[in-house]
Amino acid sequence: MPEVTWTHAHLEFFLSRVPPSISNALDVGCGRGIIGSLLKIYREPNRIVGLDMFEPYLDFCKKLGVYTEVIKHDLSIAPLPFRDNEFDLSVAFEVIEHLRKEDGIGLLRELERISRTVIVSTPNRYFDQSTYEGNPYQKHLSRWTTRDFKKRGYSVFGVGGLMVFGHEIKNVSYALGRFTIPLPYISGTIMGVYSKQR
């Protein structure tokens, strides 16, 4: 059984941005199924697809039973194997920073093509990270900013701890994190939300 080493501090805010009624969803970089589980519990879509590159995560998600489909796909390769507007929602939590910038832009373009709503989260700063849980794809390869998402038409929110001079101060940053929601520039983590006009 894996140790709990971290989880997302902003899951409640994430759920507040998920449309109240969705029939299907795509979880990109599904990992151990945290996002898929939340969607199944709180939105009950008929179809949830998990997409990842790391075989042990996919095996775990198959056993978990949250996803109706689990697909292995290299996220740096476009196009994604889905039709235009196939999903009501696509989510990429803490994924895009593990791709080279040009591949990340390609992933965003694909998510915008196949989804009515896209929600992406990423650190608001670059820091070295190599393998994690034996996963070679966990290496950080790019940095993303509020501006990167705004120029693509995303609404951007601060969903991490307060950054002071580019660093989060452990307990203080966490306690003041809620104040960064409307001020993503000073947050340790940012969330971009893209919605197509219906």
N, C-alpha and C. Protein backbone atom coordinates (compact mmCIF):
# COMPACT_ATOMS: atom_id res chain seq x y z
N MET A 1 0.85 -1.18 0.00
CA MET A 1 0.00 0.00 0.00
C MET A 1 0.89 1.24 0.00
N PRO A 2 0.62 2.19 -0.90
CA PRO A 2 1.48 3.38 -0.95
C PRO A 2 1.26 4.30 0.25
N GLU A 3 2.31 5.01 0.62
CA GLU A 3 2.18 6.01 1.68
C GLU A 3 1.53 7.26 1.11
N VAL A 4 0.80 7.96 1.96
CA VAL A 4 0.23 9.24 1.56
C VAL A 4 1.33 10.28 1.68
N THR A 5 1.82 10.74 0.55
CA THR A 5 2.91 11.71 0.58
C THR A 5 2.43 13.12 0.26
N TRP A 6 1.33 13.25 -0.48
CA TRP A 6 0.76 14.56 -0.77
C TRP A 6 -0.58 14.36 -1.44
N THR A 7 -1.39 15.36 -1.40
CA THR A 7 -2.62 15.40 -2.17
C THR A 7 -2.91 16.86 -2.48
N HIS A 8 -3.89 17.11 -3.29
CA HIS A 8 -4.20 18.47 -3.70
C HIS A 8 -4.94 19.20 -2.58
N ALA A 9 -4.49 20.39 -2.25
CA ALA A 9 -5.15 21.18 -1.21
C ALA A 9 -6.38 21.90 -1.73
N HIS A 10 -6.59 21.89 -3.02
CA HIS A 10 -7.62 22.72 -3.62
C HIS A 10 -8.76 21.92 -4.26
N LEU A 11 -9.05 20.74 -3.74
CA LEU A 11 -10.06 19.89 -4.35
C LEU A 11 -11.47 20.47 -4.19
N GLU A 12 -11.76 21.09 -3.07
CA GLU A 12 -13.07 21.70 -2.86
C GLU A 12 -13.31 22.82 -3.89
N PHE A 13 -12.30 23.64 -4.10
CA PHE A 13 -12.44 24.72 -5.09
C PHE A 13 -12.60 24.13 -6.49
N PHE A 14 -11.85 23.09 -6.79
CA PHE A 14 -11.98 22.40 -8.08
C PHE A 14 -13.43 21.97 -8.31
N LEU A 15 -14.04 21.32 -7.32
CA LEU A 15 -15.41 20.85 -7.48
C LEU A 15 -16.39 22.00 -7.69
N SER A 16 -16.10 23.16 -7.12
CA SER A 16 -16.98 24.31 -7.31
C SER A 16 -16.95 24.80 -8.76
N ARG A 17 -15.93 24.43 -9.52
CA ARG A 17 -15.81 24.84 -10.92
C ARG A 17 -16.29 23.77 -11.89
N VAL A 18 -16.60 22.58 -11.38
CA VAL A 18 -17.11 21.51 -12.23
C VAL A 18 -18.60 21.75 -12.45
N PRO A 19 -19.06 21.75 -13.70
CA PRO A 19 -20.50 21.93 -13.93
C PRO A 19 -21.32 20.94 -13.10
N PRO A 20 -22.48 21.36 -12.59
CA PRO A 20 -23.25 20.49 -11.69
C PRO A 20 -23.79 19.24 -12.35
N SER A 21 -23.95 19.27 -13.66
CA SER A 21 -24.48 18.10 -14.36
C SER A 21 -23.58 17.78 -15.56
N ILE A 22 -22.82 16.71 -15.43
CA ILE A 22 -21.99 16.25 -16.55
C ILE A 22 -22.30 14.78 -16.80
N SER A 23 -22.31 14.40 -18.07
CA SER A 23 -22.58 12.99 -18.38
C SER A 23 -21.30 12.21 -18.61
N ASN A 24 -20.19 12.94 -18.92
CA ASN A 24 -18.93 12.23 -19.13
C ASN A 24 -17.76 13.16 -18.82
N ALA A 25 -16.62 12.54 -18.52
CA ALA A 25 -15.43 13.31 -18.14
C ALA A 25 -14.17 12.55 -18.50
N LEU A 26 -13.12 13.30 -18.77
CA LEU A 26 -11.79 12.75 -19.05
C LEU A 26 -10.83 13.24 -17.98
N ASP A 27 -10.13 12.33 -17.35
CA ASP A 27 -9.12 12.64 -16.33
C ASP A 27 -7.75 12.36 -16.95
N VAL A 28 -7.05 13.43 -17.32
CA VAL A 28 -5.77 13.31 -18.02
C VAL A 28 -4.65 13.27 -16.99
N GLY A 29 -3.79 12.26 -17.08
CA GLY A 29 -2.78 12.06 -16.04
C GLY A 29 -3.49 11.61 -14.77
N CYS A 30 -4.31 10.58 -14.90
CA CYS A 30 -5.23 10.19 -13.82
C CYS A 30 -4.52 9.69 -12.57
N GLY A 31 -3.25 9.29 -12.68
CA GLY A 31 -2.53 8.85 -11.49
C GLY A 31 -3.25 7.74 -10.75
N ARG A 32 -3.50 7.95 -9.45
CA ARG A 32 -4.19 6.95 -8.63
C ARG A 32 -5.69 7.17 -8.52
N GLY A 33 -6.24 8.06 -9.36
CA GLY A 33 -7.68 8.17 -9.46
C GLY A 33 -8.36 9.14 -8.51
N ILE A 34 -7.62 10.09 -7.96
CA ILE A 34 -8.22 11.04 -7.01
C ILE A 34 -9.33 11.86 -7.69
N ILE A 35 -9.02 12.42 -8.85
CA ILE A 35 -10.00 13.26 -9.55
C ILE A 35 -11.18 12.43 -10.04
N GLY A 36 -10.90 11.27 -10.61
CA GLY A 36 -11.98 10.39 -11.05
C GLY A 36 -12.91 10.01 -9.91
N SER A 37 -12.34 9.73 -8.75
CA SER A 37 -13.15 9.37 -7.58
C SER A 37 -14.03 10.53 -7.15
N LEU A 38 -13.47 11.74 -7.11
CA LEU A 38 -14.27 12.91 -6.73
C LEU A 38 -15.42 13.13 -7.71
N LEU A 39 -15.13 13.01 -9.00
CA LEU A 39 -16.18 13.20 -9.99
C LEU A 39 -17.28 12.15 -9.85
N LYS A 40 -16.89 10.92 -9.60
CA LYS A 40 -17.88 9.85 -9.45
C LYS A 40 -18.75 10.09 -8.21
N ILE A 41 -18.13 10.52 -7.11
CA ILE A 41 -18.87 10.74 -5.86
C ILE A 41 -19.79 11.95 -5.96
N TYR A 42 -19.27 13.07 -6.49
CA TYR A 42 -20.00 14.33 -6.41
C TYR A 42 -20.75 14.75 -7.68
N ARG A 43 -20.45 14.14 -8.84
CA ARG A 43 -21.15 14.52 -10.06
C ARG A 43 -21.81 13.33 -10.77
N GLU A 44 -21.41 12.13 -10.47
CA GLU A 44 -22.00 10.90 -11.00
C GLU A 44 -22.16 10.85 -12.52
N PRO A 45 -21.09 11.16 -13.27
CA PRO A 45 -21.21 11.02 -14.73
C PRO A 45 -21.35 9.55 -15.13
N ASN A 46 -21.96 9.31 -16.28
CA ASN A 46 -22.12 7.94 -16.78
C ASN A 46 -20.80 7.35 -17.25
N ARG A 47 -19.90 8.21 -17.70
CA ARG A 47 -18.63 7.74 -18.28
C ARG A 47 -17.49 8.60 -17.75
N ILE A 48 -16.47 7.95 -17.19
CA ILE A 48 -15.25 8.64 -16.78
C ILE A 48 -14.08 7.88 -17.39
N VAL A 49 -13.29 8.58 -18.19
CA VAL A 49 -12.13 7.97 -18.84
C VAL A 49 -10.87 8.45 -18.14
N GLY A 50 -10.00 7.52 -17.75
CA GLY A 50 -8.71 7.84 -17.17
C GLY A 50 -7.62 7.65 -18.21
N LEU A 51 -6.74 8.63 -18.33
CA LEU A 51 -5.67 8.60 -19.33
C LEU A 51 -4.36 8.84 -18.61
N ASP A 52 -3.37 7.97 -18.81
CA ASP A 52 -2.07 8.15 -18.18
C ASP A 52 -1.02 7.41 -19.00
N MET A 53 0.25 7.70 -18.71
CA MET A 53 1.36 7.03 -19.40
C MET A 53 2.00 5.96 -18.54
N PHE A 54 1.77 6.00 -17.23
CA PHE A 54 2.49 5.14 -16.28
C PHE A 54 1.65 3.90 -15.98
N GLU A 55 2.14 2.77 -16.45
CA GLU A 55 1.40 1.50 -16.36
C GLU A 55 0.94 1.14 -14.94
N PRO A 56 1.79 1.28 -13.90
CA PRO A 56 1.30 0.95 -12.55
C PRO A 56 0.10 1.79 -12.11
N TYR A 57 0.04 3.06 -12.50
CA TYR A 57 -1.13 3.87 -12.18
C TYR A 57 -2.37 3.34 -12.91
N LEU A 58 -2.20 2.98 -14.16
CA LEU A 58 -3.33 2.46 -14.92
C LEU A 58 -3.84 1.15 -14.32
N ASP A 59 -2.91 0.28 -13.91
CA ASP A 59 -3.30 -0.98 -13.27
C ASP A 59 -4.06 -0.70 -11.97
N PHE A 60 -3.57 0.26 -11.20
CA PHE A 60 -4.24 0.62 -9.95
C PHE A 60 -5.66 1.14 -10.23
N CYS A 61 -5.79 2.00 -11.22
CA CYS A 61 -7.09 2.58 -11.56
C CYS A 61 -8.06 1.51 -12.05
N LYS A 62 -7.57 0.52 -12.77
CA LYS A 62 -8.44 -0.58 -13.21
C LYS A 62 -9.01 -1.30 -12.00
N LYS A 63 -8.17 -1.57 -10.99
CA LYS A 63 -8.63 -2.23 -9.76
C LYS A 63 -9.57 -1.34 -8.96
N LEU A 64 -9.31 -0.05 -8.97
CA LEU A 64 -10.13 0.90 -8.21
C LEU A 64 -11.58 0.88 -8.70
N GLY A 65 -11.77 0.73 -10.00
CA GLY A 65 -13.10 0.59 -10.56
C GLY A 65 -13.90 1.87 -10.71
N VAL A 66 -13.24 3.01 -10.59
CA VAL A 66 -13.93 4.29 -10.73
C VAL A 66 -14.15 4.64 -12.20
N TYR A 67 -13.20 4.30 -13.03
CA TYR A 67 -13.23 4.68 -14.44
C TYR A 67 -13.97 3.64 -15.28
N THR A 68 -14.74 4.13 -16.24
CA THR A 68 -15.38 3.21 -17.18
C THR A 68 -14.40 2.74 -18.24
N GLU A 69 -13.36 3.57 -18.49
CA GLU A 69 -12.28 3.20 -19.42
C GLU A 69 -10.98 3.74 -18.86
N VAL A 70 -9.91 2.97 -19.04
CA VAL A 70 -8.56 3.41 -18.67
C VAL A 70 -7.68 3.20 -19.89
N ILE A 71 -7.02 4.27 -20.34
CA ILE A 71 -6.27 4.24 -21.60
C ILE A 71 -4.84 4.70 -21.37
N LYS A 72 -3.89 3.95 -21.93
CA LYS A 72 -2.49 4.37 -21.90
C LYS A 72 -2.24 5.24 -23.13
N HIS A 73 -1.73 6.46 -22.87
CA HIS A 73 -1.46 7.36 -23.98
C HIS A 73 -0.33 8.31 -23.59
N ASP A 74 0.62 8.49 -24.48
CA ASP A 74 1.71 9.44 -24.29
C ASP A 74 1.13 10.84 -24.51
N LEU A 75 1.08 11.65 -23.46
CA LEU A 75 0.44 12.95 -23.52
C LEU A 75 1.18 13.96 -24.40
N SER A 76 2.39 13.63 -24.80
CA SER A 76 3.12 14.53 -25.70
C SER A 76 2.74 14.29 -27.15
N ILE A 77 1.91 13.29 -27.40
CA ILE A 77 1.53 12.94 -28.76
C ILE A 77 0.09 13.39 -29.04
N ALA A 78 -0.07 14.20 -30.07
CA ALA A 78 -1.39 14.65 -30.51
C ALA A 78 -1.68 14.00 -31.86
N PRO A 79 -2.93 13.80 -32.19
CA PRO A 79 -4.10 14.17 -31.42
C PRO A 79 -4.43 13.13 -30.36
N LEU A 80 -5.24 13.56 -29.39
CA LEU A 80 -5.78 12.60 -28.43
C LEU A 80 -6.83 11.76 -29.14
N PRO A 81 -7.02 10.51 -28.71
CA PRO A 81 -7.90 9.59 -29.45
C PRO A 81 -9.39 9.80 -29.17
N PHE A 82 -9.86 11.05 -29.31
CA PHE A 82 -11.26 11.37 -29.02
C PHE A 82 -11.81 12.34 -30.06
N ARG A 83 -13.14 12.35 -30.20
CA ARG A 83 -13.81 13.23 -31.16
C ARG A 83 -13.92 14.66 -30.61
N ASP A 84 -14.20 15.61 -31.49
CA ASP A 84 -14.47 16.99 -31.08
C ASP A 84 -15.66 17.00 -30.12
N ASN A 85 -15.53 17.75 -29.03
CA ASN A 85 -16.61 17.92 -28.04
C ASN A 85 -17.15 16.60 -27.48
N GLU A 86 -16.30 15.58 -27.40
CA GLU A 86 -16.74 14.28 -26.90
C GLU A 86 -17.02 14.31 -25.39
N PHE A 87 -16.34 15.23 -24.66
CA PHE A 87 -16.48 15.25 -23.21
C PHE A 87 -17.11 16.55 -22.72
N ASP A 88 -17.91 16.42 -21.70
CA ASP A 88 -18.42 17.62 -21.01
C ASP A 88 -17.29 18.29 -20.24
N LEU A 89 -16.36 17.49 -19.73
CA LEU A 89 -15.28 18.00 -18.87
C LEU A 89 -14.00 17.22 -19.11
N SER A 90 -12.88 17.93 -19.20
CA SER A 90 -11.56 17.31 -19.16
C SER A 90 -10.76 17.99 -18.05
N VAL A 91 -10.04 17.18 -17.29
CA VAL A 91 -9.27 17.68 -16.16
C VAL A 91 -7.83 17.21 -16.31
N ALA A 92 -6.87 18.13 -16.11
CA ALA A 92 -5.45 17.78 -16.10
C ALA A 92 -4.85 18.41 -14.85
N PHE A 93 -4.83 17.66 -13.75
CA PHE A 93 -4.34 18.16 -12.47
C PHE A 93 -2.87 17.84 -12.32
N GLU A 94 -2.05 18.89 -12.19
CA GLU A 94 -0.62 18.73 -11.95
C GLU A 94 0.00 17.79 -13.00
N VAL A 95 -0.29 18.08 -14.26
CA VAL A 95 0.17 17.25 -15.37
C VAL A 95 1.03 18.05 -16.35
N ILE A 96 0.58 19.23 -16.70
CA ILE A 96 1.16 19.97 -17.81
C ILE A 96 2.63 20.32 -17.60
N GLU A 97 3.04 20.50 -16.34
CA GLU A 97 4.44 20.83 -16.04
C GLU A 97 5.38 19.66 -16.30
N HIS A 98 4.83 18.47 -16.51
CA HIS A 98 5.64 17.29 -16.80
C HIS A 98 5.89 17.11 -18.30
N LEU A 99 5.40 18.06 -19.08
CA LEU A 99 5.60 18.05 -20.53
C LEU A 99 6.48 19.23 -20.94
N ARG A 100 7.18 19.09 -22.06
CA ARG A 100 7.88 20.26 -22.62
C ARG A 100 6.82 21.28 -22.99
N LYS A 101 7.18 22.54 -22.99
CA LYS A 101 6.20 23.61 -23.20
C LYS A 101 5.40 23.42 -24.49
N GLU A 102 6.07 23.11 -25.58
CA GLU A 102 5.35 22.95 -26.85
C GLU A 102 4.38 21.77 -26.81
N ASP A 103 4.76 20.70 -26.10
CA ASP A 103 3.86 19.56 -25.95
C ASP A 103 2.68 19.91 -25.04
N GLY A 104 2.94 20.71 -24.02
CA GLY A 104 1.87 21.16 -23.13
C GLY A 104 0.86 22.02 -23.86
N ILE A 105 1.35 22.89 -24.74
CA ILE A 105 0.44 23.72 -25.55
C ILE A 105 -0.40 22.83 -26.46
N GLY A 106 0.24 21.81 -27.01
CA GLY A 106 -0.49 20.85 -27.84
C GLY A 106 -1.56 20.11 -27.04
N LEU A 107 -1.25 19.75 -25.80
CA LEU A 107 -2.23 19.07 -24.95
C LEU A 107 -3.41 20.00 -24.66
N LEU A 108 -3.13 21.26 -24.31
CA LEU A 108 -4.22 22.21 -24.06
C LEU A 108 -5.11 22.35 -25.29
N ARG A 109 -4.49 22.47 -26.44
CA ARG A 109 -5.25 22.61 -27.69
C ARG A 109 -6.18 21.40 -27.90
N GLU A 110 -5.66 20.22 -27.61
CA GLU A 110 -6.46 19.01 -27.77
C GLU A 110 -7.60 18.95 -26.75
N LEU A 111 -7.32 19.31 -25.50
CA LEU A 111 -8.37 19.30 -24.48
C LEU A 111 -9.47 20.29 -24.82
N GLU A 112 -9.08 21.44 -25.35
CA GLU A 112 -10.06 22.44 -25.77
C GLU A 112 -10.89 21.93 -26.96
N ARG A 113 -10.29 21.11 -27.79
CA ARG A 113 -11.00 20.55 -28.95
C ARG A 113 -12.04 19.51 -28.52
N ILE A 114 -11.69 18.66 -27.58
CA ILE A 114 -12.54 17.51 -27.25
C ILE A 114 -13.50 17.76 -26.09
N SER A 115 -13.40 18.94 -25.43
CA SER A 115 -14.16 19.17 -24.20
C SER A 115 -14.93 20.48 -24.23
N ARG A 116 -16.03 20.50 -23.52
CA ARG A 116 -16.80 21.73 -23.35
C ARG A 116 -16.21 22.58 -22.23
N THR A 117 -15.68 21.91 -21.19
CA THR A 117 -15.01 22.59 -20.08
C THR A 117 -13.68 21.90 -19.83
N VAL A 118 -12.63 22.69 -19.62
CA VAL A 118 -11.30 22.16 -19.31
C VAL A 118 -10.84 22.80 -18.00
N ILE A 119 -10.34 21.97 -17.09
CA ILE A 119 -9.77 22.48 -15.83
C ILE A 119 -8.36 21.93 -15.71
N VAL A 120 -7.40 22.85 -15.55
CA VAL A 120 -5.98 22.50 -15.48
C VAL A 120 -5.39 23.13 -14.23
N SER A 121 -4.57 22.38 -13.50
CA SER A 121 -3.82 23.01 -12.40
C SER A 121 -2.34 22.69 -12.56
N THR A 122 -1.52 23.61 -12.06
CA THR A 122 -0.07 23.46 -12.19
C THR A 122 0.63 24.35 -11.16
N PRO A 123 1.84 23.99 -10.76
CA PRO A 123 2.58 24.92 -9.89
C PRO A 123 2.79 26.26 -10.59
N ASN A 124 2.84 27.32 -9.82
CA ASN A 124 3.03 28.66 -10.35
C ASN A 124 4.50 29.07 -10.31
N ARG A 125 5.34 28.10 -10.29
CA ARG A 125 6.78 28.34 -10.28
C ARG A 125 7.44 27.06 -10.76
N TYR A 126 8.68 27.17 -11.19
CA TYR A 126 9.40 25.97 -11.60
C TYR A 126 10.24 25.48 -10.44
N PHE A 127 10.21 24.18 -10.20
CA PHE A 127 11.14 23.56 -9.25
C PHE A 127 11.49 22.18 -9.78
N ASP A 128 12.71 21.78 -9.50
CA ASP A 128 13.18 20.47 -9.96
C ASP A 128 12.40 19.37 -9.28
N GLN A 129 11.94 18.45 -10.06
CA GLN A 129 11.34 17.22 -9.53
C GLN A 129 11.71 16.13 -10.51
N SER A 130 12.28 15.09 -10.01
CA SER A 130 12.62 13.98 -10.90
C SER A 130 11.56 12.89 -10.74
N THR A 131 11.95 11.65 -10.56
CA THR A 131 10.97 10.58 -10.46
C THR A 131 10.25 10.66 -9.12
N TYR A 132 9.06 10.11 -9.09
CA TYR A 132 8.21 10.13 -7.91
C TYR A 132 7.43 8.83 -7.94
N GLU A 133 7.43 8.07 -6.89
CA GLU A 133 6.78 6.76 -6.84
C GLU A 133 7.28 5.85 -7.97
N GLY A 134 8.55 6.02 -8.36
CA GLY A 134 9.12 5.22 -9.42
C GLY A 134 8.61 5.58 -10.81
N ASN A 135 7.92 6.71 -10.93
CA ASN A 135 7.33 7.12 -12.19
C ASN A 135 8.29 8.06 -12.92
N PRO A 136 8.89 7.62 -14.03
CA PRO A 136 9.85 8.47 -14.74
C PRO A 136 9.21 9.68 -15.41
N TYR A 137 7.88 9.68 -15.54
CA TYR A 137 7.19 10.80 -16.18
C TYR A 137 6.93 11.96 -15.22
N GLN A 138 7.34 11.82 -13.95
CA GLN A 138 7.08 12.85 -12.96
C GLN A 138 8.08 14.00 -13.00
N LYS A 139 9.07 13.92 -13.83
CA LYS A 139 10.06 15.00 -13.94
C LYS A 139 9.41 16.27 -14.44
N HIS A 140 9.74 17.39 -13.81
CA HIS A 140 9.22 18.69 -14.27
C HIS A 140 10.04 19.17 -15.46
N LEU A 141 9.33 19.54 -16.53
CA LEU A 141 9.99 19.96 -17.77
C LEU A 141 9.64 21.38 -18.19
N SER A 142 8.62 21.99 -17.57
CA SER A 142 8.20 23.33 -18.01
C SER A 142 7.57 24.10 -16.87
N ARG A 143 7.50 25.42 -17.06
CA ARG A 143 6.85 26.31 -16.10
C ARG A 143 5.69 27.00 -16.80
N TRP A 144 4.58 27.13 -16.08
CA TRP A 144 3.38 27.74 -16.62
C TRP A 144 2.96 28.89 -15.73
N THR A 145 2.46 29.95 -16.35
CA THR A 145 2.09 31.14 -15.61
C THR A 145 0.62 31.48 -15.87
N THR A 146 0.11 32.38 -15.05
CA THR A 146 -1.24 32.88 -15.24
C THR A 146 -1.41 33.42 -16.65
N ARG A 147 -0.42 34.13 -17.13
CA ARG A 147 -0.48 34.72 -18.48
C ARG A 147 -0.62 33.65 -19.56
N ASP A 148 0.08 32.50 -19.40
CA ASP A 148 -0.02 31.42 -20.38
C ASP A 148 -1.47 30.98 -20.58
N PHE A 149 -2.21 30.91 -19.48
CA PHE A 149 -3.60 30.45 -19.55
C PHE A 149 -4.54 31.56 -19.98
N LYS A 150 -4.33 32.77 -19.48
CA LYS A 150 -5.22 33.88 -19.84
C LYS A 150 -5.20 34.16 -21.33
N LYS A 151 -4.03 34.03 -21.97
CA LYS A 151 -3.99 34.32 -23.40
C LYS A 151 -4.69 33.24 -24.23
N ARG A 152 -5.03 32.11 -23.61
CA ARG A 152 -5.81 31.06 -24.27
C ARG A 152 -7.29 31.16 -23.91
N GLY A 153 -7.66 32.17 -23.11
CA GLY A 153 -9.07 32.36 -22.77
C GLY A 153 -9.52 31.68 -21.49
N TYR A 154 -8.58 31.28 -20.65
CA TYR A 154 -8.92 30.63 -19.38
C TYR A 154 -9.16 31.68 -18.30
N SER A 155 -10.07 31.39 -17.39
CA SER A 155 -10.15 32.12 -16.13
C SER A 155 -9.13 31.46 -15.21
N VAL A 156 -8.36 32.25 -14.47
CA VAL A 156 -7.26 31.68 -13.67
C VAL A 156 -7.46 32.06 -12.21
N PHE A 157 -7.24 31.08 -11.33
CA PHE A 157 -7.43 31.26 -9.90
C PHE A 157 -6.20 30.77 -9.15
N GLY A 158 -5.95 31.37 -8.00
CA GLY A 158 -4.89 30.89 -7.12
C GLY A 158 -5.46 29.82 -6.22
N VAL A 159 -4.84 28.65 -6.23
CA VAL A 159 -5.37 27.53 -5.44
C VAL A 159 -4.29 26.88 -4.57
N GLY A 160 -3.20 27.60 -4.38
CA GLY A 160 -2.12 27.08 -3.54
C GLY A 160 -1.88 28.01 -2.38
N GLY A 161 -0.75 27.81 -1.74
CA GLY A 161 -0.37 28.68 -0.65
C GLY A 161 0.12 30.03 -1.15
N LEU A 162 0.07 31.01 -0.29
CA LEU A 162 0.57 32.34 -0.61
C LEU A 162 2.07 32.29 -0.83
N MET A 163 2.54 32.85 -1.95
CA MET A 163 3.97 32.91 -2.21
C MET A 163 4.51 34.25 -1.75
N VAL A 164 5.60 34.21 -1.02
CA VAL A 164 6.29 35.42 -0.56
C VAL A 164 7.68 35.38 -1.19
N PHE A 165 7.97 36.35 -2.06
CA PHE A 165 9.23 36.39 -2.80
C PHE A 165 9.51 35.07 -3.52
N GLY A 166 8.46 34.52 -4.14
CA GLY A 166 8.61 33.32 -4.95
C GLY A 166 8.66 32.01 -4.18
N HIS A 167 8.43 32.04 -2.86
CA HIS A 167 8.47 30.82 -2.05
C HIS A 167 7.26 30.76 -1.14
N GLU A 168 6.82 29.54 -0.87
CA GLU A 168 5.76 29.34 0.11
C GLU A 168 6.40 29.09 1.47
N ILE A 169 5.92 29.80 2.48
CA ILE A 169 6.40 29.59 3.84
C ILE A 169 5.42 28.65 4.51
N LYS A 170 5.87 27.44 4.75
CA LYS A 170 5.05 26.29 5.13
C LYS A 170 3.68 26.61 5.75
N ASN A 171 3.56 26.80 7.02
CA ASN A 171 2.26 26.95 7.68
C ASN A 171 1.57 28.26 7.35
N VAL A 172 2.33 29.34 7.26
CA VAL A 172 1.75 30.65 6.97
C VAL A 172 1.12 30.66 5.58
N SER A 173 1.83 30.14 4.59
CA SER A 173 1.33 30.12 3.21
C SER A 173 0.05 29.32 3.10
N TYR A 174 0.00 28.18 3.78
CA TYR A 174 -1.19 27.34 3.73
C TYR A 174 -2.38 28.06 4.36
N ALA A 175 -2.16 28.66 5.51
CA ALA A 175 -3.22 29.36 6.23
C ALA A 175 -3.79 30.53 5.42
N LEU A 176 -2.96 31.17 4.63
CA LEU A 176 -3.39 32.34 3.85
C LEU A 176 -3.75 32.00 2.40
N GLY A 177 -3.72 30.71 2.07
CA GLY A 177 -3.95 30.28 0.69
C GLY A 177 -5.26 30.74 0.09
N ARG A 178 -6.34 30.75 0.86
CA ARG A 178 -7.65 31.16 0.34
C ARG A 178 -7.64 32.59 -0.21
N PHE A 179 -6.77 33.43 0.35
CA PHE A 179 -6.70 34.82 -0.11
C PHE A 179 -6.14 34.93 -1.52
N THR A 180 -5.51 33.84 -2.01
CA THR A 180 -4.91 33.90 -3.35
C THR A 180 -5.88 33.53 -4.46
N ILE A 181 -7.09 33.08 -4.12
CA ILE A 181 -8.04 32.67 -5.17
C ILE A 181 -8.20 33.74 -6.23
N PRO A 182 -8.48 35.01 -5.87
CA PRO A 182 -8.60 36.03 -6.92
C PRO A 182 -7.25 36.62 -7.35
N LEU A 183 -6.16 36.18 -6.72
CA LEU A 183 -4.82 36.72 -7.00
C LEU A 183 -3.86 35.59 -7.37
N PRO A 184 -4.08 34.96 -8.51
CA PRO A 184 -3.26 33.80 -8.86
C PRO A 184 -1.77 34.08 -8.98
N TYR A 185 -1.40 35.33 -9.24
CA TYR A 185 0.02 35.66 -9.41
C TYR A 185 0.83 35.39 -8.14
N ILE A 186 0.16 35.43 -6.98
CA ILE A 186 0.89 35.24 -5.72
C ILE A 186 0.59 33.88 -5.08
N SER A 187 0.04 32.97 -5.85
CA SER A 187 -0.31 31.65 -5.34
C SER A 187 0.73 30.62 -5.78
N GLY A 188 0.98 29.65 -4.93
CA GLY A 188 1.93 28.58 -5.27
C GLY A 188 1.42 27.64 -6.35
N THR A 189 0.10 27.58 -6.52
CA THR A 189 -0.51 26.73 -7.54
C THR A 189 -1.61 27.53 -8.21
N ILE A 190 -1.73 27.36 -9.53
CA ILE A 190 -2.79 28.04 -10.26
C ILE A 190 -3.71 27.03 -10.93
N MET A 191 -4.96 27.44 -11.09
CA MET A 191 -5.95 26.61 -11.77
C MET A 191 -6.56 27.43 -12.89
N GLY A 192 -6.53 26.88 -14.09
CA GLY A 192 -7.15 27.51 -15.24
C GLY A 192 -8.43 26.78 -15.59
N VAL A 193 -9.49 27.54 -15.89
CA VAL A 193 -10.78 26.97 -16.26
C VAL A 193 -11.19 27.56 -17.60
N TYR A 194 -11.42 26.69 -18.56
CA TYR A 194 -11.81 27.09 -19.91
C TYR A 194 -13.19 26.52 -20.20
N SER A 195 -14.11 27.35 -20.65
CA SER A 195 -15.46 26.89 -21.00
C SER A 195 -15.84 27.43 -22.35
N LYS A 196 -16.38 26.54 -23.19
CA LYS A 196 -16.88 26.97 -24.50
C LYS A 196 -18.28 27.53 -24.31
N GLN A 197 -18.62 28.50 -25.13
CA GLN A 197 -19.99 29.02 -25.14
C GLN A 197 -20.89 27.93 -25.70
N ARG A 198 -22.01 27.72 -25.06
CA ARG A 198 -22.93 26.66 -25.52
C ARG A 198 -23.87 27.21 -26.57
